[in-house]
Amino acid sequence: MVSRVKRYFLEIKDFSNTIDLNLPENYKIVLDNKDNFHLNKFFYKQIGLDHFWRDRLLWSDSEWVKYVTNKNLETHVLKKGEDLAGYYEQEYHPGSNEVELINLGVLKEFRGLKLGSTLVNHMGDLILYTFLLHILAAGYHHLIRKDNSFKRMKFE
C-alpha cells in the first residue's frame, strides 16, 4: 500500500515580534549533547504512537546511531525537573543555509499545557540568537536594529 506524506514548511521572515517563552516553573529546555540514540528513539516511539510516526520504527540501532551523530542535528529536550516532557530535533542544512524542524512533540502526560508552542518558540529564538551571533562575529553589528529581539538576546 502506498500512502502520501504531506510536508509543511515554516519560514520565519520577521524576527521583530519575538515571543517570551514563559516556561512554567520547574521546566527547562536543554540541548542534549550526548548523542544518545536511546533518547531520540524513546521520544519518537512514545510521542509517535498518537501521531502515526512509523518510518523510524524499523530502524536498527546502528541507523539510530548514524542519525543522532549527524554533526548538523540537534536534539533539544524539555524537562520538568529531571523528568522528560518533550523534545524537538532540528537539522542545519549548510548548502541552503536552512534549519529544518525534523520532529517536535510532548509526551502525553504533558499535553494541553501549551508546551508544544513553547518548544516552537524556543527553536525560533535559538535560530535568531545564532543569526545574531554570526552577524556580530562578522563585524556587521551596525546592520542590526536595537529592538526587542536584540535586547532579549542580551546583546546591548
C-alpha atoms as a PDB file:
ATOM      1  CA  MET A   1       0.000   0.000   0.000  1.00  0.00           C
ATOM      2  CA  VAL A   2       1.316   3.420  -0.942  1.00  0.00           C
ATOM      3  CA  SER A   3       0.446   6.399   1.180  1.00  0.00           C
ATOM      4  CA  ARG A   4       1.327  10.009   0.597  1.00  0.00           C
ATOM      5  CA  VAL A   5       3.099  12.112   3.185  1.00  0.00           C
ATOM      6  CA  LYS A   6       2.428  15.831   3.326  1.00  0.00           C
ATOM      7  CA  ARG A   7       5.261  18.052   4.492  1.00  0.00           C
ATOM      8  CA  TYR A   8       4.720  21.579   5.692  1.00  0.00           C
ATOM      9  CA  PHE A   9       7.362  24.259   5.926  1.00  0.00           C
ATOM     10  CA  LEU A  10       7.505  27.215   8.274  1.00  0.00           C
ATOM     11  CA  GLU A  11       9.589  30.096   7.051  1.00  0.00           C
ATOM     12  CA  ILE A  12      10.355  32.769   9.605  1.00  0.00           C
ATOM     13  CA  LYS A  13      10.780  36.034   7.731  1.00  0.00           C
ATOM     14  CA  ASP A  14      10.321  38.558  10.524  1.00  0.00           C
ATOM     15  CA  PHE A  15      12.091  38.203  13.864  1.00  0.00           C
ATOM     16  CA  SER A  16      10.961  41.584  15.158  1.00  0.00           C
ATOM     17  CA  ASN A  17       7.971  40.188  17.057  1.00  0.00           C
ATOM     18  CA  THR A  18       9.626  37.667  19.321  1.00  0.00           C
ATOM     19  CA  ILE A  19       7.634  35.890  21.996  1.00  0.00           C
ATOM     20  CA  ASP A  20       8.659  35.335  25.607  1.00  0.00           C
ATOM     21  CA  LEU A  21       8.919  31.652  26.377  1.00  0.00           C
ATOM     22  CA  ASN A  22       7.335  31.973  29.812  1.00  0.00           C
ATOM     23  CA  LEU A  23       8.359  28.480  30.800  1.00  0.00           C
ATOM     24  CA  PRO A  24       6.262  27.179  33.674  1.00  0.00           C
ATOM     25  CA  GLU A  25       8.044  26.855  36.998  1.00  0.00           C
ATOM     26  CA  ASN A  26      10.492  23.957  37.209  1.00  0.00           C
ATOM     27  CA  TYR A  27      10.600  23.484  33.397  1.00  0.00           C
ATOM     28  CA  LYS A  28      13.718  23.871  31.277  1.00  0.00           C
ATOM     29  CA  ILE A  29      14.827  23.207  27.704  1.00  0.00           C
ATOM     30  CA  VAL A  30      18.312  21.763  27.338  1.00  0.00           C
ATOM     31  CA  LEU A  31      20.459  20.771  24.388  1.00  0.00           C
ATOM     32  CA  ASP A  32      21.245  17.065  24.512  1.00  0.00           C
ATOM     33  CA  ASN A  33      24.882  16.765  23.528  1.00  0.00           C
ATOM     34  CA  LYS A  34      25.356  13.108  24.426  1.00  0.00           C
ATOM     35  CA  ASP A  35      24.462  11.638  21.004  1.00  0.00           C
ATOM     36  CA  ASN A  36      22.340   9.107  22.874  1.00  0.00           C
ATOM     37  CA  PHE A  37      20.096   7.474  20.299  1.00  0.00           C
ATOM     38  CA  HIS A  38      18.007   5.893  23.079  1.00  0.00           C
ATOM     39  CA  LEU A  39      16.624   9.327  23.983  1.00  0.00           C
ATOM     40  CA  ASN A  40      15.574  10.178  20.422  1.00  0.00           C
ATOM     41  CA  LYS A  41      14.194   6.678  19.904  1.00  0.00           C
ATOM     42  CA  PHE A  42      12.207   6.897  23.167  1.00  0.00           C
ATOM     43  CA  PHE A  43      10.584  10.211  22.216  1.00  0.00           C
ATOM     44  CA  TYR A  44       9.915   9.050  18.664  1.00  0.00           C
ATOM     45  CA  LYS A  45       8.149   5.889  19.854  1.00  0.00           C
ATOM     46  CA  GLN A  46       6.202   7.442  22.733  1.00  0.00           C
ATOM     47  CA  ILE A  47       5.050  10.643  21.056  1.00  0.00           C
ATOM     48  CA  GLY A  48       4.667   8.995  17.676  1.00  0.00           C
ATOM     49  CA  LEU A  49       2.114   6.473  18.931  1.00  0.00           C
ATOM     50  CA  ASP A  50      -0.625   9.087  18.703  1.00  0.00           C
ATOM     51  CA  HIS A  51       0.653  10.801  15.568  1.00  0.00           C
ATOM     52  CA  PHE A  52       1.279   7.923  13.152  1.00  0.00           C
ATOM     53  CA  TRP A  53       5.065   8.215  13.247  1.00  0.00           C
ATOM     54  CA  ARG A  54       6.068   4.874  11.780  1.00  0.00           C
ATOM     55  CA  ASP A  55       9.033   5.129   9.388  1.00  0.00           C
ATOM     56  CA  ARG A  56      11.800   5.045  12.034  1.00  0.00           C
ATOM     57  CA  LEU A  57      10.266   2.166  13.957  1.00  0.00           C
ATOM     58  CA  LEU A  58      12.044  -0.128  11.510  1.00  0.00           C
ATOM     59  CA  TRP A  59      15.455   1.422  12.113  1.00  0.00           C
ATOM     60  CA  SER A  60      18.230  -0.691  13.584  1.00  0.00           C
ATOM     61  CA  ASP A  61      20.318   0.649  16.456  1.00  0.00           C
ATOM     62  CA  SER A  62      23.140   1.408  14.008  1.00  0.00           C
ATOM     63  CA  GLU A  63      20.751   3.522  11.894  1.00  0.00           C
ATOM     64  CA  TRP A  64      19.725   5.432  15.028  1.00  0.00           C
ATOM     65  CA  VAL A  65      23.366   5.978  15.978  1.00  0.00           C
ATOM     66  CA  LYS A  66      24.146   7.286  12.492  1.00  0.00           C
ATOM     67  CA  TYR A  67      21.157   9.645  12.707  1.00  0.00           C
ATOM     68  CA  VAL A  68      21.922  11.175  16.112  1.00  0.00           C
ATOM     69  CA  THR A  69      25.656  11.545  15.460  1.00  0.00           C
ATOM     70  CA  ASN A  70      24.993  13.748  12.426  1.00  0.00           C
ATOM     71  CA  LYS A  71      27.002  16.880  13.279  1.00  0.00           C
ATOM     72  CA  ASN A  72      24.204  19.084  11.913  1.00  0.00           C
ATOM     73  CA  LEU A  73      21.477  17.534  14.081  1.00  0.00           C
ATOM     74  CA  GLU A  74      20.499  18.988  17.439  1.00  0.00           C
ATOM     75  CA  THR A  75      18.096  17.495  19.963  1.00  0.00           C
ATOM     76  CA  HIS A  76      16.571  19.866  22.500  1.00  0.00           C
ATOM     77  CA  VAL A  77      14.826  18.304  25.475  1.00  0.00           C
ATOM     78  CA  LEU A  78      12.046  19.797  27.560  1.00  0.00           C
ATOM     79  CA  LYS A  79      12.209  18.704  31.189  1.00  0.00           C
ATOM     80  CA  LYS A  80      10.083  19.263  34.245  1.00  0.00           C
ATOM     81  CA  GLY A  81      12.637  18.969  36.983  1.00  0.00           C
ATOM     82  CA  GLU A  82      14.550  15.899  35.849  1.00  0.00           C
ATOM     83  CA  ASP A  83      11.529  14.264  34.171  1.00  0.00           C
ATOM     84  CA  LEU A  84      11.372  14.190  30.377  1.00  0.00           C
ATOM     85  CA  ALA A  85       8.410  16.125  28.975  1.00  0.00           C
ATOM     86  CA  GLY A  86       9.091  16.710  25.270  1.00  0.00           C
ATOM     87  CA  TYR A  87      11.666  17.392  22.590  1.00  0.00           C
ATOM     88  CA  TYR A  88      12.468  18.686  19.175  1.00  0.00           C
ATOM     89  CA  GLU A  89      15.079  17.743  16.617  1.00  0.00           C
ATOM     90  CA  GLN A  90      16.432  20.246  14.149  1.00  0.00           C
ATOM     91  CA  GLU A  91      18.944  19.813  11.368  1.00  0.00           C
ATOM     92  CA  TYR A  92      21.040  22.545   9.821  1.00  0.00           C
ATOM     93  CA  HIS A  93      21.488  22.306   6.050  1.00  0.00           C
ATOM     94  CA  PRO A  94      24.657  24.264   5.228  1.00  0.00           C
ATOM     95  CA  GLY A  95      24.127  24.121   1.453  1.00  0.00           C
ATOM     96  CA  SER A  96      20.879  26.066   1.649  1.00  0.00           C
ATOM     97  CA  ASN A  97      21.624  27.769   4.997  1.00  0.00           C
ATOM     98  CA  GLU A  98      18.327  26.486   6.376  1.00  0.00           C
ATOM     99  CA  VAL A  99      17.285  24.812   9.603  1.00  0.00           C
ATOM    100  CA  GLU A 100      14.759  22.003   9.301  1.00  0.00           C
ATOM    101  CA  LEU A 101      12.496  21.031  12.169  1.00  0.00           C
ATOM    102  CA  ILE A 102      12.577  17.238  11.979  1.00  0.00           C
ATOM    103  CA  ASN A 103      10.293  16.272  14.866  1.00  0.00           C
ATOM    104  CA  LEU A 104       8.696  18.043  17.781  1.00  0.00           C
ATOM    105  CA  GLY A 105       6.423  16.659  20.426  1.00  0.00           C
ATOM    106  CA  VAL A 106       5.313  16.497  24.029  1.00  0.00           C
ATOM    107  CA  LEU A 107       4.694  13.306  25.977  1.00  0.00           C
ATOM    108  CA  LYS A 108       1.029  12.506  26.544  1.00  0.00           C
ATOM    109  CA  GLU A 109       1.003  13.380  30.244  1.00  0.00           C
ATOM    110  CA  PHE A 110       2.290  16.902  29.483  1.00  0.00           C
ATOM    111  CA  ARG A 111      -0.111  17.744  26.648  1.00  0.00           C
ATOM    112  CA  GLY A 112      -2.624  20.559  26.952  1.00  0.00           C
ATOM    113  CA  LEU A 113      -0.160  22.858  28.730  1.00  0.00           C
ATOM    114  CA  LYS A 114       0.960  24.783  25.609  1.00  0.00           C
ATOM    115  CA  LEU A 115       4.425  23.231  25.890  1.00  0.00           C
ATOM    116  CA  GLY A 116       4.500  22.436  22.168  1.00  0.00           C
ATOM    117  CA  SER A 117       4.166  26.153  21.416  1.00  0.00           C
ATOM    118  CA  THR A 118       6.950  26.807  23.899  1.00  0.00           C
ATOM    119  CA  LEU A 119       9.212  24.385  22.023  1.00  0.00           C
ATOM    120  CA  VAL A 120       8.443  26.060  18.675  1.00  0.00           C
ATOM    121  CA  ASN A 121       9.170  29.482  20.157  1.00  0.00           C
ATOM    122  CA  HIS A 122      12.423  28.175  21.656  1.00  0.00           C
ATOM    123  CA  MET A 123      13.522  26.961  18.249  1.00  0.00           C
ATOM    124  CA  GLY A 124      12.742  30.369  16.727  1.00  0.00           C
ATOM    125  CA  ASP A 125      14.672  32.176  19.449  1.00  0.00           C
ATOM    126  CA  LEU A 126      17.610  29.813  19.022  1.00  0.00           C
ATOM    127  CA  ILE A 127      17.726  30.479  15.277  1.00  0.00           C
ATOM    128  CA  LEU A 128      17.589  34.234  15.895  1.00  0.00           C
ATOM    129  CA  TYR A 129      20.308  34.025  18.549  1.00  0.00           C
ATOM    130  CA  THR A 130      22.607  32.060  16.215  1.00  0.00           C
ATOM    131  CA  PHE A 131      21.930  34.519  13.398  1.00  0.00           C
ATOM    132  CA  LEU A 132      22.793  37.488  15.613  1.00  0.00           C
ATOM    133  CA  LEU A 133      25.994  35.803  16.785  1.00  0.00           C
ATOM    134  CA  HIS A 134      27.096  35.295  13.177  1.00  0.00           C
ATOM    135  CA  ILE A 135      26.297  38.911  12.282  1.00  0.00           C
ATOM    136  CA  LEU A 136      28.195  40.237  15.287  1.00  0.00           C
ATOM    137  CA  ALA A 137      31.159  37.918  14.715  1.00  0.00           C
ATOM    138  CA  ALA A 138      31.376  39.104  11.123  1.00  0.00           C
ATOM    139  CA  GLY A 139      31.568  42.728  12.279  1.00  0.00           C
ATOM    140  CA  TYR A 140      28.191  43.781  10.864  1.00  0.00           C
ATOM    141  CA  HIS A 141      26.623  44.799  14.183  1.00  0.00           C
ATOM    142  CA  HIS A 142      25.660  48.174  12.707  1.00  0.00           C
ATOM    143  CA  LEU A 143      23.104  46.404  10.493  1.00  0.00           C
ATOM    144  CA  ILE A 144      21.028  45.179  13.432  1.00  0.00           C
ATOM    145  CA  ARG A 145      18.249  47.337  14.830  1.00  0.00           C
ATOM    146  CA  LYS A 146      18.427  47.514  18.593  1.00  0.00           C
ATOM    147  CA  ASP A 147      14.821  46.475  19.042  1.00  0.00           C
ATOM    148  CA  ASN A 148      13.275  43.975  21.430  1.00  0.00           C
ATOM    149  CA  SER A 149      14.869  40.993  19.656  1.00  0.00           C
ATOM    150  CA  PHE A 150      18.306  42.454  20.125  1.00  0.00           C
ATOM    151  CA  LYS A 151      17.661  43.308  23.774  1.00  0.00           C
ATOM    152  CA  ARG A 152      16.120  39.912  24.576  1.00  0.00           C
ATOM    153  CA  MET A 153      19.253  38.185  23.334  1.00  0.00           C
ATOM    154  CA  LYS A 154      21.377  40.253  25.729  1.00  0.00           C
ATOM    155  CA  PHE A 155      23.402  41.974  23.003  1.00  0.00           C
ATOM    156  CA  GLU A 156      23.003  45.519  24.350  1.00  0.00           C
END
